[in-house]
Amino acid sequence: MFRFLTIPQNHRVVIQDKRGRRQTIDGPRRMLLTSQTATFLEQRTAGPTQYLMVRHLDGRTEHVRGPASLFVDPALHQEVTVAEATPLDANQAFDGNYQVQ
């Protein structure tokens, strides 16, 4: 079975064949698929007062300061969430010394 797939601009698709090989394609593009499956990836975007919290499948957690954008790939990411950053004044800083009471 043959079918055409149109990938719009600013979108990303993962193409997977019967053997499990994956290929990531960025739009805009038009492709002819034979026996492959196509999965559109969801995009998460953080503004200037936000950050992305990325939980990878290997256990790592990464914080990406906004403005930033990331496509959520199920083969790489367990979860990607957008969170609000805590604003600090110019005279506020963390010096590394704190006590838990």
PDB file of N, CA and C in Angstrom:
ATOM      1  N   MET A   1       0.842  -1.179   0.000  1.00  0.00           N
ATOM      2  CA  MET A   1       0.000   0.000   0.000  1.00  0.00           C
ATOM      3  C   MET A   1       0.887   1.242   0.000  1.00  0.00           C
ATOM      4  N   PHE A   2       0.604   2.144  -0.902  1.00  0.00           N
ATOM      5  CA  PHE A   2       1.354   3.385  -1.016  1.00  0.00           C
ATOM      6  C   PHE A   2       0.463   4.540  -0.595  1.00  0.00           C
ATOM      7  N   ARG A   3       1.089   5.500   0.094  1.00  0.00           N
ATOM      8  CA  ARG A   3       0.345   6.706   0.458  1.00  0.00           C
ATOM      9  C   ARG A   3       1.330   7.856   0.604  1.00  0.00           C
ATOM     10  N   PHE A   4       0.829   9.038   0.343  1.00  0.00           N
ATOM     11  CA  PHE A   4       1.631  10.244   0.484  1.00  0.00           C
ATOM     12  C   PHE A   4       1.405  10.837   1.872  1.00  0.00           C
ATOM     13  N   LEU A   5       2.462  11.407   2.426  1.00  0.00           N
ATOM     14  CA  LEU A   5       2.396  12.083   3.715  1.00  0.00           C
ATOM     15  C   LEU A   5       2.967  13.480   3.537  1.00  0.00           C
ATOM     16  N   THR A   6       2.197  14.482   3.940  1.00  0.00           N
ATOM     17  CA  THR A   6       2.648  15.869   3.902  1.00  0.00           C
ATOM     18  C   THR A   6       2.970  16.309   5.319  1.00  0.00           C
ATOM     19  N   ILE A   7       4.192  16.763   5.500  1.00  0.00           N
ATOM     20  CA  ILE A   7       4.643  17.248   6.804  1.00  0.00           C
ATOM     21  C   ILE A   7       4.699  18.769   6.727  1.00  0.00           C
ATOM     22  N   PRO A   8       3.836  19.462   7.477  1.00  0.00           N
ATOM     23  CA  PRO A   8       3.842  20.926   7.431  1.00  0.00           C
ATOM     24  C   PRO A   8       5.108  21.522   8.049  1.00  0.00           C
ATOM     25  N   GLN A   9       5.341  22.778   7.741  1.00  0.00           N
ATOM     26  CA  GLN A   9       6.482  23.495   8.311  1.00  0.00           C
ATOM     27  C   GLN A   9       6.335  23.555   9.829  1.00  0.00           C
ATOM     28  N   ASN A  10       7.461  23.485  10.543  1.00  0.00           N
ATOM     29  CA  ASN A  10       7.539  23.513  12.009  1.00  0.00           C
ATOM     30  C   ASN A  10       6.933  22.278  12.654  1.00  0.00           C
ATOM     31  N   HIS A  11       6.861  21.179  11.938  1.00  0.00           N
ATOM     32  CA  HIS A  11       6.407  19.904  12.484  1.00  0.00           C
ATOM     33  C   HIS A  11       7.511  18.874  12.292  1.00  0.00           C
ATOM     34  N   ARG A  12       7.480  17.827  13.107  1.00  0.00           N
ATOM     35  CA  ARG A  12       8.478  16.754  13.026  1.00  0.00           C
ATOM     36  C   ARG A  12       7.748  15.415  13.084  1.00  0.00           C
ATOM     37  N   VAL A  13       8.217  14.480  12.266  1.00  0.00           N
ATOM     38  CA  VAL A  13       7.600  13.158  12.152  1.00  0.00           C
ATOM     39  C   VAL A  13       8.683  12.098  12.306  1.00  0.00           C
ATOM     40  N   VAL A  14       8.324  11.003  12.975  1.00  0.00           N
ATOM     41  CA  VAL A  14       9.207   9.837  13.040  1.00  0.00           C
ATOM     42  C   VAL A  14       8.629   8.781  12.109  1.00  0.00           C
ATOM     43  N   ILE A  15       9.457   8.348  11.155  1.00  0.00           N
ATOM     44  CA  ILE A  15       9.071   7.305  10.205  1.00  0.00           C
ATOM     45  C   ILE A  15       9.743   6.019  10.668  1.00  0.00           C
ATOM     46  N   GLN A  16       8.957   4.954  10.826  1.00  0.00           N
ATOM     47  CA  GLN A  16       9.501   3.672  11.282  1.00  0.00           C
ATOM     48  C   GLN A  16       9.116   2.587  10.284  1.00  0.00           C
ATOM     49  N   ASP A  17      10.115   1.763   9.912  1.00  0.00           N
ATOM     50  CA  ASP A  17       9.828   0.675   8.981  1.00  0.00           C
ATOM     51  C   ASP A  17       9.534  -0.621   9.734  1.00  0.00           C
ATOM     52  N   LYS A  18       9.306  -1.684   8.982  1.00  0.00           N
ATOM     53  CA  LYS A  18       8.940  -2.977   9.583  1.00  0.00           C
ATOM     54  C   LYS A  18      10.038  -3.558  10.467  1.00  0.00           C
ATOM     55  N   ARG A  19      11.282  -3.204  10.202  1.00  0.00           N
ATOM     56  CA  ARG A  19      12.412  -3.728  10.981  1.00  0.00           C
ATOM     57  C   ARG A  19      12.682  -2.909  12.245  1.00  0.00           C
ATOM     58  N   GLY A  20      11.936  -1.830  12.442  1.00  0.00           N
ATOM     59  CA  GLY A  20      12.116  -1.008  13.634  1.00  0.00           C
ATOM     60  C   GLY A  20      13.079   0.145  13.468  1.00  0.00           C
ATOM     61  N   ARG A  21      13.603   0.325  12.269  1.00  0.00           N
ATOM     62  CA  ARG A  21      14.512   1.461  12.037  1.00  0.00           C
ATOM     63  C   ARG A  21      13.702   2.746  11.998  1.00  0.00           C
ATOM     64  N   ARG A  22      14.232   3.772  12.683  1.00  0.00           N
ATOM     65  CA  ARG A  22      13.537   5.049  12.798  1.00  0.00           C
ATOM     66  C   ARG A  22      14.294   6.142  12.065  1.00  0.00           C
ATOM     67  N   GLN A  23      13.522   7.058  11.501  1.00  0.00           N
ATOM     68  CA  GLN A  23      14.096   8.213  10.823  1.00  0.00           C
ATOM     69  C   GLN A  23      13.262   9.428  11.207  1.00  0.00           C
ATOM     70  N   THR A  24      13.919  10.512  11.608  1.00  0.00           N
ATOM     71  CA  THR A  24      13.232  11.735  11.995  1.00  0.00           C
ATOM     72  C   THR A  24      13.262  12.704  10.820  1.00  0.00           C
ATOM     73  N   ILE A  25      12.080  13.217  10.461  1.00  0.00           N
ATOM     74  CA  ILE A  25      11.943  14.117   9.318  1.00  0.00           C
ATOM     75  C   ILE A  25      11.307  15.415   9.787  1.00  0.00           C
ATOM     76  N   ASP A  26      11.917  16.556   9.417  1.00  0.00           N
ATOM     77  CA  ASP A  26      11.358  17.875   9.705  1.00  0.00           C
ATOM     78  C   ASP A  26      10.648  18.411   8.467  1.00  0.00           C
ATOM     79  N   GLY A  27       9.542  19.111   8.684  1.00  0.00           N
ATOM     80  CA  GLY A  27       8.786  19.695   7.591  1.00  0.00           C
ATOM     81  C   GLY A  27       9.334  21.064   7.227  1.00  0.00           C
ATOM     82  N   PRO A  28       8.947  21.603   6.109  1.00  0.00           N
ATOM     83  CA  PRO A  28       7.949  21.095   5.183  1.00  0.00           C
ATOM     84  C   PRO A  28       8.534  20.045   4.249  1.00  0.00           C
ATOM     85  N   ARG A  29       7.737  19.013   4.018  1.00  0.00           N
ATOM     86  CA  ARG A  29       8.177  17.927   3.145  1.00  0.00           C
ATOM     87  C   ARG A  29       6.989  17.055   2.758  1.00  0.00           C
ATOM     88  N   ARG A  30       7.058  16.470   1.595  1.00  0.00           N
ATOM     89  CA  ARG A  30       6.052  15.515   1.141  1.00  0.00           C
ATOM     90  C   ARG A  30       6.783  14.220   0.842  1.00  0.00           C
ATOM     91  N   MET A  31       6.260  13.112   1.404  1.00  0.00           N
ATOM     92  CA  MET A  31       6.951  11.822   1.285  1.00  0.00           C
ATOM     93  C   MET A  31       5.984  10.757   0.787  1.00  0.00           C
ATOM     94  N   LEU A  32       6.552   9.757   0.130  1.00  0.00           N
ATOM     95  CA  LEU A  32       5.795   8.576  -0.274  1.00  0.00           C
ATOM     96  C   LEU A  32       6.135   7.462   0.708  1.00  0.00           C
ATOM     97  N   LEU A  33       5.139   6.966   1.401  1.00  0.00           N
ATOM     98  CA  LEU A  33       5.327   5.876   2.360  1.00  0.00           C
ATOM     99  C   LEU A  33       4.843   4.575   1.724  1.00  0.00           C
ATOM    100  N   THR A  34       5.614   3.521   1.913  1.00  0.00           N
ATOM    101  CA  THR A  34       5.193   2.219   1.411  1.00  0.00           C
ATOM    102  C   THR A  34       4.624   1.400   2.562  1.00  0.00           C
ATOM    103  N   SER A  35       5.468   0.811   3.370  1.00  0.00           N
ATOM    104  CA  SER A  35       4.982   0.019   4.500  1.00  0.00           C
ATOM    105  C   SER A  35       5.413   0.625   5.840  1.00  0.00           C
ATOM    106  N   GLN A  36       5.874   1.861   5.822  1.00  0.00           N
ATOM    107  CA  GLN A  36       6.316   2.533   7.045  1.00  0.00           C
ATOM    108  C   GLN A  36       5.119   3.130   7.789  1.00  0.00           C
ATOM    109  N   THR A  37       5.347   3.373   9.081  1.00  0.00           N
ATOM    110  CA  THR A  37       4.353   4.093   9.878  1.00  0.00           C
ATOM    111  C   THR A  37       4.926   5.463  10.219  1.00  0.00           C
ATOM    112  N   ALA A  38       4.052   6.441  10.294  1.00  0.00           N
ATOM    113  CA  ALA A  38       4.459   7.811  10.580  1.00  0.00           C
ATOM    114  C   ALA A  38       3.795   8.268  11.866  1.00  0.00           C
ATOM    115  N   THR A  39       4.592   8.887  12.741  1.00  0.00           N
ATOM    116  CA  THR A  39       4.077   9.416  14.002  1.00  0.00           C
ATOM    117  C   THR A  39       4.502  10.875  14.116  1.00  0.00           C
ATOM    118  N   PHE A  40       3.517  11.777  14.214  1.00  0.00           N
ATOM    119  CA  PHE A  40       3.826  13.185  14.424  1.00  0.00           C
ATOM    120  C   PHE A  40       4.210  13.382  15.882  1.00  0.00           C
ATOM    121  N   LEU A  41       5.302  14.112  16.132  1.00  0.00           N
ATOM    122  CA  LEU A  41       5.773  14.363  17.484  1.00  0.00           C
ATOM    123  C   LEU A  41       5.136  15.641  18.027  1.00  0.00           C
ATOM    124  N   GLU A  42       4.809  15.622  19.305  1.00  0.00           N
ATOM    125  CA  GLU A  42       4.230  16.778  19.975  1.00  0.00           C
ATOM    126  C   GLU A  42       5.343  17.733  20.384  1.00  0.00           C
ATOM    127  N   GLN A  43       5.076  19.020  20.253  1.00  0.00           N
ATOM    128  CA  GLN A  43       6.068  20.032  20.580  1.00  0.00           C
ATOM    129  C   GLN A  43       5.681  20.748  21.866  1.00  0.00           C
ATOM    130  N   ARG A  44       6.654  20.934  22.758  1.00  0.00           N
ATOM    131  CA  ARG A  44       6.455  21.694  23.998  1.00  0.00           C
ATOM    132  C   ARG A  44       7.299  22.969  23.884  1.00  0.00           C
ATOM    133  N   THR A  45       6.703  24.081  24.303  1.00  0.00           N
ATOM    134  CA  THR A  45       7.368  25.377  24.204  1.00  0.00           C
ATOM    135  C   THR A  45       7.289  26.104  25.539  1.00  0.00           C
ATOM    136  N   ALA A  46       8.419  26.645  25.977  1.00  0.00           N
ATOM    137  CA  ALA A  46       8.488  27.430  27.211  1.00  0.00           C
ATOM    138  C   ALA A  46       8.806  28.879  26.852  1.00  0.00           C
ATOM    139  N   GLY A  47       8.084  29.795  27.498  1.00  0.00           N
ATOM    140  CA  GLY A  47       8.310  31.224  27.277  1.00  0.00           C
ATOM    141  C   GLY A  47       9.478  31.731  28.103  1.00  0.00           C
ATOM    142  N   PRO A  48       9.709  33.042  28.087  1.00  0.00           N
ATOM    143  CA  PRO A  48      10.856  33.611  28.797  1.00  0.00           C
ATOM    144  C   PRO A  48      10.788  33.482  30.313  1.00  0.00           C
ATOM    145  N   THR A  49       9.600  33.295  30.870  1.00  0.00           N
ATOM    146  CA  THR A  49       9.474  33.139  32.326  1.00  0.00           C
ATOM    147  C   THR A  49       9.186  31.698  32.716  1.00  0.00           C
ATOM    148  N   GLN A  50       9.481  30.771  31.823  1.00  0.00           N
ATOM    149  CA  GLN A  50       9.218  29.353  32.066  1.00  0.00           C
ATOM    150  C   GLN A  50      10.468  28.532  31.762  1.00  0.00           C
ATOM    151  N   TYR A  51      10.378  27.234  32.045  1.00  0.00           N
ATOM    152  CA  TYR A  51      11.440  26.300  31.668  1.00  0.00           C
ATOM    153  C   TYR A  51      10.819  24.952  31.341  1.00  0.00           C
ATOM    154  N   LEU A  52      11.568  24.142  30.609  1.00  0.00           N
ATOM    155  CA  LEU A  52      11.145  22.788  30.268  1.00  0.00           C
ATOM    156  C   LEU A  52      11.827  21.810  31.206  1.00  0.00           C
ATOM    157  N   MET A  53      11.059  20.927  31.826  1.00  0.00           N
ATOM    158  CA  MET A  53      11.628  19.866  32.650  1.00  0.00           C
ATOM    159  C   MET A  53      11.531  18.582  31.825  1.00  0.00           C
ATOM    160  N   VAL A  54      12.700  18.074  31.415  1.00  0.00           N
ATOM    161  CA  VAL A  54      12.771  16.931  30.517  1.00  0.00           C
ATOM    162  C   VAL A  54      13.238  15.714  31.305  1.00  0.00           C
ATOM    163  N   ARG A  55      12.393  14.698  31.379  1.00  0.00           N
ATOM    164  CA  ARG A  55      12.757  13.429  32.023  1.00  0.00           C
ATOM    165  C   ARG A  55      13.062  12.429  30.920  1.00  0.00           C
ATOM    166  N   HIS A  56      14.337  12.023  30.843  1.00  0.00           N
ATOM    167  CA  HIS A  56      14.786  11.095  29.817  1.00  0.00           C
ATOM    168  C   HIS A  56      14.516   9.657  30.247  1.00  0.00           C
ATOM    169  N   LEU A  57      14.480   8.763  29.280  1.00  0.00           N
ATOM    170  CA  LEU A  57      14.240   7.344  29.573  1.00  0.00           C
ATOM    171  C   LEU A  57      15.387   6.708  30.348  1.00  0.00           C
ATOM    172  N   ASP A  58      16.597   7.277  30.239  1.00  0.00           N
ATOM    173  CA  ASP A  58      17.736   6.714  30.962  1.00  0.00           C
ATOM    174  C   ASP A  58      17.809   7.196  32.414  1.00  0.00           C
ATOM    175  N   GLY A  59      16.815   7.975  32.860  1.00  0.00           N
ATOM    176  CA  GLY A  59      16.760   8.398  34.251  1.00  0.00           C
ATOM    177  C   GLY A  59      17.211   9.824  34.507  1.00  0.00           C
ATOM    178  N   ARG A  60      17.850  10.441  33.550  1.00  0.00           N
ATOM    179  CA  ARG A  60      18.313  11.818  33.731  1.00  0.00           C
ATOM    180  C   ARG A  60      17.139  12.792  33.725  1.00  0.00           C
ATOM    181  N   THR A  61      17.292  13.891  34.441  1.00  0.00           N
ATOM    182  CA  THR A  61      16.344  14.993  34.384  1.00  0.00           C
ATOM    183  C   THR A  61      17.105  16.237  33.967  1.00  0.00           C
ATOM    184  N   GLU A  62      16.580  16.925  32.980  1.00  0.00           N
ATOM    185  CA  GLU A  62      17.242  18.106  32.429  1.00  0.00           C
ATOM    186  C   GLU A  62      16.279  19.282  32.516  1.00  0.00           C
ATOM    187  N   HIS A  63      16.795  20.445  32.910  1.00  0.00           N
ATOM    188  CA  HIS A  63      15.997  21.668  32.954  1.00  0.00           C
ATOM    189  C   HIS A  63      16.520  22.605  31.872  1.00  0.00           C
ATOM    190  N   VAL A  64      15.645  22.977  30.946  1.00  0.00           N
ATOM    191  CA  VAL A  64      16.019  23.842  29.827  1.00  0.00           C
ATOM    192  C   VAL A  64      15.335  25.187  30.022  1.00  0.00           C
ATOM    193  N   ARG A  65      16.135  26.228  30.203  1.00  0.00           N
ATOM    194  CA  ARG A  65      15.612  27.565  30.451  1.00  0.00           C
ATOM    195  C   ARG A  65      14.953  28.127  29.196  1.00  0.00           C
ATOM    196  N   GLY A  66      13.809  28.769  29.360  1.00  0.00           N
ATOM    197  CA  GLY A  66      13.086  29.358  28.247  1.00  0.00           C
ATOM    198  C   GLY A  66      13.661  30.703  27.864  1.00  0.00           C
ATOM    199  N   PRO A  67      13.354  31.200  26.715  1.00  0.00           N
ATOM    200  CA  PRO A  67      12.483  30.596  25.728  1.00  0.00           C
ATOM    201  C   PRO A  67      13.154  29.409  25.044  1.00  0.00           C
ATOM    202  N   ALA A  68      12.413  28.310  24.962  1.00  0.00           N
ATOM    203  CA  ALA A  68      12.928  27.080  24.367  1.00  0.00           C
ATOM    204  C   ALA A  68      11.773  26.261  23.815  1.00  0.00           C
ATOM    205  N   SER A  69      12.102  25.385  22.889  1.00  0.00           N
ATOM    206  CA  SER A  69      11.109  24.511  22.286  1.00  0.00           C
ATOM    207  C   SER A  69      11.733  23.136  22.105  1.00  0.00           C
ATOM    208  N   LEU A  70      10.923  22.083  22.285  1.00  0.00           N
ATOM    209  CA  LEU A  70      11.432  20.717  22.207  1.00  0.00           C
ATOM    210  C   LEU A  70      10.339  19.790  21.699  1.00  0.00           C
ATOM    211  N   PHE A  71      10.705  18.896  20.775  1.00  0.00           N
ATOM    212  CA  PHE A  71       9.782  17.868  20.324  1.00  0.00           C
ATOM    213  C   PHE A  71       9.897  16.673  21.259  1.00  0.00           C
ATOM    214  N   VAL A  72       8.774  16.152  21.719  1.00  0.00           N
ATOM    215  CA  VAL A  72       8.744  15.024  22.645  1.00  0.00           C
ATOM    216  C   VAL A  72       8.839  13.737  21.827  1.00  0.00           C
ATOM    217  N   ASP A  73       9.962  13.037  21.960  1.00  0.00           N
ATOM    218  CA  ASP A  73      10.187  11.778  21.255  1.00  0.00           C
ATOM    219  C   ASP A  73      10.051  10.630  22.244  1.00  0.00           C
ATOM    220  N   PRO A  74       9.050   9.754  22.086  1.00  0.00           N
ATOM    221  CA  PRO A  74       8.843   8.655  23.031  1.00  0.00           C
ATOM    222  C   PRO A  74      10.030   7.687  23.121  1.00  0.00           C
ATOM    223  N   ALA A  75      10.906   7.683  22.132  1.00  0.00           N
ATOM    224  CA  ALA A  75      12.082   6.820  22.177  1.00  0.00           C
ATOM    225  C   ALA A  75      13.192   7.424  23.024  1.00  0.00           C
ATOM    226  N   LEU A  76      13.092   8.713  23.356  1.00  0.00           N
ATOM    227  CA  LEU A  76      14.126   9.404  24.135  1.00  0.00           C
ATOM    228  C   LEU A  76      13.616   9.960  25.459  1.00  0.00           C
ATOM    229  N   HIS A  77      12.377  10.442  25.461  1.00  0.00           N
ATOM    230  CA  HIS A  77      11.851  11.165  26.617  1.00  0.00           C
ATOM    231  C   HIS A  77      10.725  10.393  27.298  1.00  0.00           C
ATOM    232  N   GLN A  78      10.771  10.380  28.612  1.00  0.00           N
ATOM    233  CA  GLN A  78       9.680   9.813  29.395  1.00  0.00           C
ATOM    234  C   GLN A  78       8.571  10.844  29.560  1.00  0.00           C
ATOM    235  N   GLU A  79       8.991  12.101  29.809  1.00  0.00           N
ATOM    236  CA  GLU A  79       8.025  13.168  30.020  1.00  0.00           C
ATOM    237  C   GLU A  79       8.706  14.512  29.806  1.00  0.00           C
ATOM    238  N   VAL A  80       7.977  15.446  29.223  1.00  0.00           N
ATOM    239  CA  VAL A  80       8.451  16.825  29.076  1.00  0.00           C
ATOM    240  C   VAL A  80       7.323  17.730  29.546  1.00  0.00           C
ATOM    241  N   THR A  81       7.604  18.536  30.573  1.00  0.00           N
ATOM    242  CA  THR A  81       6.588  19.440  31.107  1.00  0.00           C
ATOM    243  C   THR A  81       7.107  20.870  31.099  1.00  0.00           C
ATOM    244  N   VAL A  82       6.175  21.802  31.019  1.00  0.00           N
ATOM    245  CA  VAL A  82       6.491  23.231  31.083  1.00  0.00           C
ATOM    246  C   VAL A  82       6.173  23.705  32.495  1.00  0.00           C
ATOM    247  N   ALA A  83       7.124  24.394  33.125  1.00  0.00           N
ATOM    248  CA  ALA A  83       6.943  24.882  34.499  1.00  0.00           C
ATOM    249  C   ALA A  83       7.308  26.359  34.566  1.00  0.00           C
ATOM    250  N   GLU A  84       6.708  27.026  35.542  1.00  0.00           N
ATOM    251  CA  GLU A  84       6.997  28.441  35.752  1.00  0.00           C
ATOM    252  C   GLU A  84       8.305  28.595  36.524  1.00  0.00           C
ATOM    253  N   ALA A  85       9.136  29.517  36.089  1.00  0.00           N
ATOM    254  CA  ALA A  85      10.396  29.804  36.774  1.00  0.00           C
ATOM    255  C   ALA A  85      10.133  30.718  37.961  1.00  0.00           C
ATOM    256  N   THR A  86      10.984  30.631  38.964  1.00  0.00           N
ATOM    257  CA  THR A  86      10.890  31.504  40.130  1.00  0.00           C
ATOM    258  C   THR A  86      11.724  32.750  39.861  1.00  0.00           C
ATOM    259  N   PRO A  87      11.082  33.913  39.800  1.00  0.00           N
ATOM    260  CA  PRO A  87      11.854  35.133  39.534  1.00  0.00           C
ATOM    261  C   PRO A  87      12.661  35.550  40.767  1.00  0.00           C
ATOM    262  N   LEU A  88      13.872  36.027  40.528  1.00  0.00           N
ATOM    263  CA  LEU A  88      14.736  36.519  41.599  1.00  0.00           C
ATOM    264  C   LEU A  88      15.032  37.986  41.371  1.00  0.00           C
ATOM    265  N   ASP A  89      15.128  38.739  42.462  1.00  0.00           N
ATOM    266  CA  ASP A  89      15.542  40.127  42.362  1.00  0.00           C
ATOM    267  C   ASP A  89      17.045  40.183  42.118  1.00  0.00           C
ATOM    268  N   ALA A  90      17.529  41.362  41.769  1.00  0.00           N
ATOM    269  CA  ALA A  90      18.948  41.526  41.470  1.00  0.00           C
ATOM    270  C   ALA A  90      19.819  41.239  42.685  1.00  0.00           C
ATOM    271  N   ASN A  91      19.311  41.488  43.899  1.00  0.00           N
ATOM    272  CA  ASN A  91      20.129  41.288  45.088  1.00  0.00           C
ATOM    273  C   ASN A  91      19.885  39.927  45.736  1.00  0.00           C
ATOM    274  N   GLN A  92      19.111  39.049  45.104  1.00  0.00           N
ATOM    275  CA  GLN A  92      18.888  37.711  45.632  1.00  0.00           C
ATOM    276  C   GLN A  92      19.796  36.724  44.906  1.00  0.00           C
ATOM    277  N   ALA A  93      20.427  35.876  45.685  1.00  0.00           N
ATOM    278  CA  ALA A  93      21.262  34.842  45.096  1.00  0.00           C
ATOM    279  C   ALA A  93      21.350  33.697  46.075  1.00  0.00           C
ATOM    280  N   PHE A  94      21.524  32.514  45.561  1.00  0.00           N
ATOM    281  CA  PHE A  94      21.689  31.337  46.422  1.00  0.00           C
ATOM    282  C   PHE A  94      23.181  31.100  46.580  1.00  0.00           C
ATOM    283  N   ASP A  95      23.648  31.107  47.845  1.00  0.00           N
ATOM    284  CA  ASP A  95      25.080  30.956  48.085  1.00  0.00           C
ATOM    285  C   ASP A  95      25.481  29.513  48.373  1.00  0.00           C
ATOM    286  N   GLY A  96      24.531  28.592  48.334  1.00  0.00           N
ATOM    287  CA  GLY A  96      24.847  27.195  48.554  1.00  0.00           C
ATOM    288  C   GLY A  96      24.749  26.770  49.998  1.00  0.00           C
ATOM    289  N   ASN A  97      24.585  27.708  50.923  1.00  0.00           N
ATOM    290  CA  ASN A  97      24.480  27.377  52.338  1.00  0.00           C
ATOM    291  C   ASN A  97      23.027  27.510  52.794  1.00  0.00           C
ATOM    292  N   TYR A  98      22.461  26.424  53.213  1.00  0.00           N
ATOM    293  CA  TYR A  98      21.124  26.450  53.780  1.00  0.00           C
ATOM    294  C   TYR A  98      21.011  25.319  54.774  1.00  0.00           C
ATOM    295  N   GLN A  99      20.050  25.449  55.647  1.00  0.00           N
ATOM    296  CA  GLN A  99      19.838  24.436  56.673  1.00  0.00           C
ATOM    297  C   GLN A  99      18.402  23.957  56.609  1.00  0.00           C
ATOM    298  N   VAL A 100      18.209  22.657  56.727  1.00  0.00           N
ATOM    299  CA  VAL A 100      16.885  22.089  56.766  1.00  0.00           C
ATOM    300  C   VAL A 100      16.461  21.990  58.226  1.00  0.00           C
ATOM    301  N   GLN A 101      15.306  22.526  58.550  1.00  0.00           N
ATOM    302  CA  GLN A 101      14.840  22.516  59.925  1.00  0.00           C
ATOM    303  C   GLN A 101      13.690  21.554  60.097  1.00  0.00           C
TER     304      GLN A 101
END
